[in-house]
Amino acid sequence: MPLITERVEQARNGANDKVICRMPSGWAVMGDVQFLPGYCLLLPDPVVASLNDLAPQARAIYLLDMVRIGDAVLEATGALRINYEILGNSEPELHCHLFPRYASEPDDKRSMPVWFYDWKTALPYAEETHGNLRKKIAQLLNAVLEASS
């Protein structure tokens, strides 16, 4: 089973410990690694191959959810900005990476794409370490979602 499909199935079944919350377009989840605290993804539900495979209204909802997550991560972390990346080259299913960027990042990394970090030695997501941040992002997102319904 492809990775994004697997993660969405786990989220549906309550078996994905990285779930932040259910969004109108899919699932907000914490990244597997947290070299930048607050790194998240938006996984669509249902899973599609690319943003172009969504109908116009579904595209708009997905992109709005993406920005809502970014707003919550900015508020929860105090990051300078959010980098949004929809790639799909190695995992050919729609998913958006949301990377908070910080003034405290090393000079040689701060202005570079996050792919220049060493992902293999990055701190893995752990509920004991990152759970409070996940919950804070969830609280902020749930407040926005409740206000918009």
Protein backbone atom coordinates (compact mmCIF):
# COMPACT_ATOMS: atom_id res chain seq x y z
CA MET A 1 0.00 0.00 0.00
CA PRO A 2 1.41 3.46 -0.89
CA LEU A 3 2.58 5.49 2.11
CA ILE A 4 0.01 8.31 2.00
CA THR A 5 -2.86 5.84 1.53
CA GLU A 6 -1.51 3.85 4.48
CA ARG A 7 -1.27 6.93 6.72
CA VAL A 8 -4.81 8.03 5.81
CA GLU A 9 -6.14 4.54 6.59
CA GLN A 10 -4.36 4.65 9.95
CA ALA A 11 -5.86 8.08 10.66
CA ARG A 12 -9.36 6.85 9.79
CA ASN A 13 -8.90 3.90 12.13
CA GLY A 14 -7.45 5.92 15.02
CA ALA A 15 -4.10 4.18 14.60
CA ASN A 16 -1.96 7.17 13.56
CA ASP A 17 -0.43 8.76 16.67
CA LYS A 18 0.69 11.79 14.66
CA VAL A 19 -2.84 12.98 13.85
CA ILE A 20 -3.45 16.57 14.85
CA CYS A 21 -7.08 16.66 13.70
CA ARG A 22 -9.51 15.92 10.91
CA MET A 23 -9.78 18.77 8.42
CA PRO A 24 -12.54 19.29 5.83
CA SER A 25 -10.15 18.07 3.09
CA GLY A 26 -8.25 15.39 4.99
CA TRP A 27 -5.93 14.98 7.96
CA ALA A 28 -3.46 17.32 9.62
CA VAL A 29 -0.59 15.22 10.96
CA MET A 30 2.79 15.84 12.56
CA GLY A 31 5.84 14.94 10.50
CA ASP A 32 7.67 11.70 11.21
CA VAL A 33 10.70 13.77 12.20
CA GLN A 34 10.80 17.10 13.99
CA PHE A 35 14.10 18.73 13.05
CA LEU A 36 11.95 21.85 12.72
CA PRO A 37 9.45 21.74 15.61
CA GLY A 38 5.92 21.85 14.27
CA TYR A 39 6.69 20.22 10.90
CA CYS A 40 3.30 18.97 9.67
CA LEU A 41 1.61 17.49 6.65
CA LEU A 42 -1.87 17.70 5.18
CA LEU A 43 -3.02 14.34 3.83
CA PRO A 44 -6.11 14.37 1.60
CA ASP A 45 -9.06 12.10 2.32
CA PRO A 46 -9.85 10.57 -0.05
CA VAL A 47 -6.32 10.17 -1.41
CA VAL A 48 -5.70 11.41 -4.95
CA ALA A 49 -2.58 11.47 -7.09
CA SER A 50 -2.19 15.26 -7.28
CA LEU A 51 -3.83 18.59 -6.60
CA ASN A 52 -4.87 18.64 -10.25
CA ASP A 53 -6.98 15.52 -9.68
CA LEU A 54 -9.30 17.37 -7.31
CA ALA A 55 -12.40 19.16 -8.55
CA PRO A 56 -12.16 22.97 -8.31
CA GLN A 57 -14.15 23.21 -5.04
CA ALA A 58 -12.11 20.39 -3.46
CA ARG A 59 -8.89 22.15 -4.51
CA ALA A 60 -10.03 25.35 -2.82
CA ILE A 61 -10.88 23.48 0.39
CA TYR A 62 -7.53 21.65 0.39
CA LEU A 63 -5.59 24.88 -0.10
CA LEU A 64 -7.62 26.67 2.59
CA ASP A 65 -6.94 23.81 5.01
CA MET A 66 -3.25 24.06 4.16
CA VAL A 67 -3.17 27.73 5.12
CA ARG A 68 -5.25 27.11 8.26
CA ILE A 69 -2.66 24.59 9.42
CA GLY A 70 0.11 27.07 8.59
CA ASP A 71 -1.61 29.79 10.65
CA ALA A 72 -1.96 27.42 13.61
CA VAL A 73 1.67 26.31 13.39
CA LEU A 74 2.85 29.94 13.22
CA GLU A 75 0.85 30.80 16.33
CA ALA A 76 1.84 27.65 18.22
CA THR A 77 5.56 27.87 17.48
CA GLY A 78 6.39 31.53 16.96
CA ALA A 79 8.11 30.61 13.68
CA LEU A 80 9.01 33.37 11.20
CA ARG A 81 7.16 31.80 8.27
CA ILE A 82 5.81 28.56 6.87
CA ASN A 83 7.21 26.89 3.76
CA TYR A 84 4.50 24.93 1.93
CA GLU A 85 5.64 22.13 -0.38
CA ILE A 86 3.58 19.84 -2.56
CA LEU A 87 6.01 17.55 -4.34
CA GLY A 88 4.78 14.02 -5.06
CA ASN A 89 7.89 12.75 -6.79
CA SER A 90 8.89 9.97 -4.40
CA GLU A 91 5.38 9.51 -2.93
CA PRO A 92 3.06 10.02 -5.93
CA GLU A 93 -0.02 10.84 -3.86
CA LEU A 94 -1.14 14.33 -2.90
CA HIS A 95 0.27 15.57 0.39
CA CYS A 96 1.55 18.94 1.52
CA HIS A 97 4.56 19.46 3.76
CA LEU A 98 4.36 22.48 6.08
CA PHE A 99 7.74 23.51 7.42
CA PRO A 100 7.99 26.23 10.07
CA ARG A 101 11.14 28.25 9.56
CA TYR A 102 12.96 29.86 12.48
CA ALA A 103 15.46 32.67 13.04
CA SER A 104 17.33 30.21 15.27
CA GLU A 105 18.14 27.83 12.40
CA PRO A 106 21.84 27.49 11.56
CA ASP A 107 23.00 30.14 9.07
CA ASP A 108 23.88 27.51 6.46
CA LYS A 109 20.34 26.03 6.60
CA ARG A 110 18.03 29.01 7.23
CA SER A 111 17.85 30.19 3.62
CA MET A 112 18.02 26.74 2.04
CA PRO A 113 15.24 24.24 1.35
CA VAL A 114 14.64 21.91 4.29
CA TRP A 115 15.81 18.97 2.20
CA PHE A 116 19.39 20.07 3.03
CA TYR A 117 18.87 19.00 6.65
CA ASP A 118 20.02 15.49 7.60
CA TRP A 119 16.68 13.68 7.76
CA LYS A 120 18.28 10.38 8.77
CA THR A 121 19.59 11.74 12.06
CA ALA A 122 16.64 14.06 12.75
CA LEU A 123 14.70 13.73 15.98
CA PRO A 124 11.74 11.38 15.36
CA TYR A 125 8.26 12.46 16.42
CA ALA A 126 7.54 11.23 19.96
CA GLU A 127 4.36 11.98 21.86
CA GLU A 128 6.34 12.52 25.09
CA THR A 129 8.46 15.19 23.41
CA HIS A 130 6.13 16.70 20.82
CA GLY A 131 2.66 15.86 22.12
CA ASN A 132 2.06 19.22 23.78
CA LEU A 133 2.86 21.03 20.52
CA ARG A 134 0.59 18.65 18.58
CA LYS A 135 -2.22 19.35 21.06
CA LYS A 136 -1.67 23.12 20.90
CA ILE A 137 -1.87 23.06 17.08
CA ALA A 138 -5.01 20.89 17.32
CA GLN A 139 -6.63 23.32 19.76
CA LEU A 140 -5.95 26.26 17.44
CA LEU A 141 -7.22 24.39 14.39
CA ASN A 142 -10.35 23.15 16.12
CA ALA A 143 -11.19 26.70 17.21
CA VAL A 144 -10.90 27.93 13.60
CA LEU A 145 -12.91 25.00 12.25
CA GLU A 146 -15.67 25.49 14.83
CA ALA A 147 -15.85 29.23 14.08
CA SER A 148 -16.16 28.58 10.34
CA SER A 149 -18.96 26.01 10.56
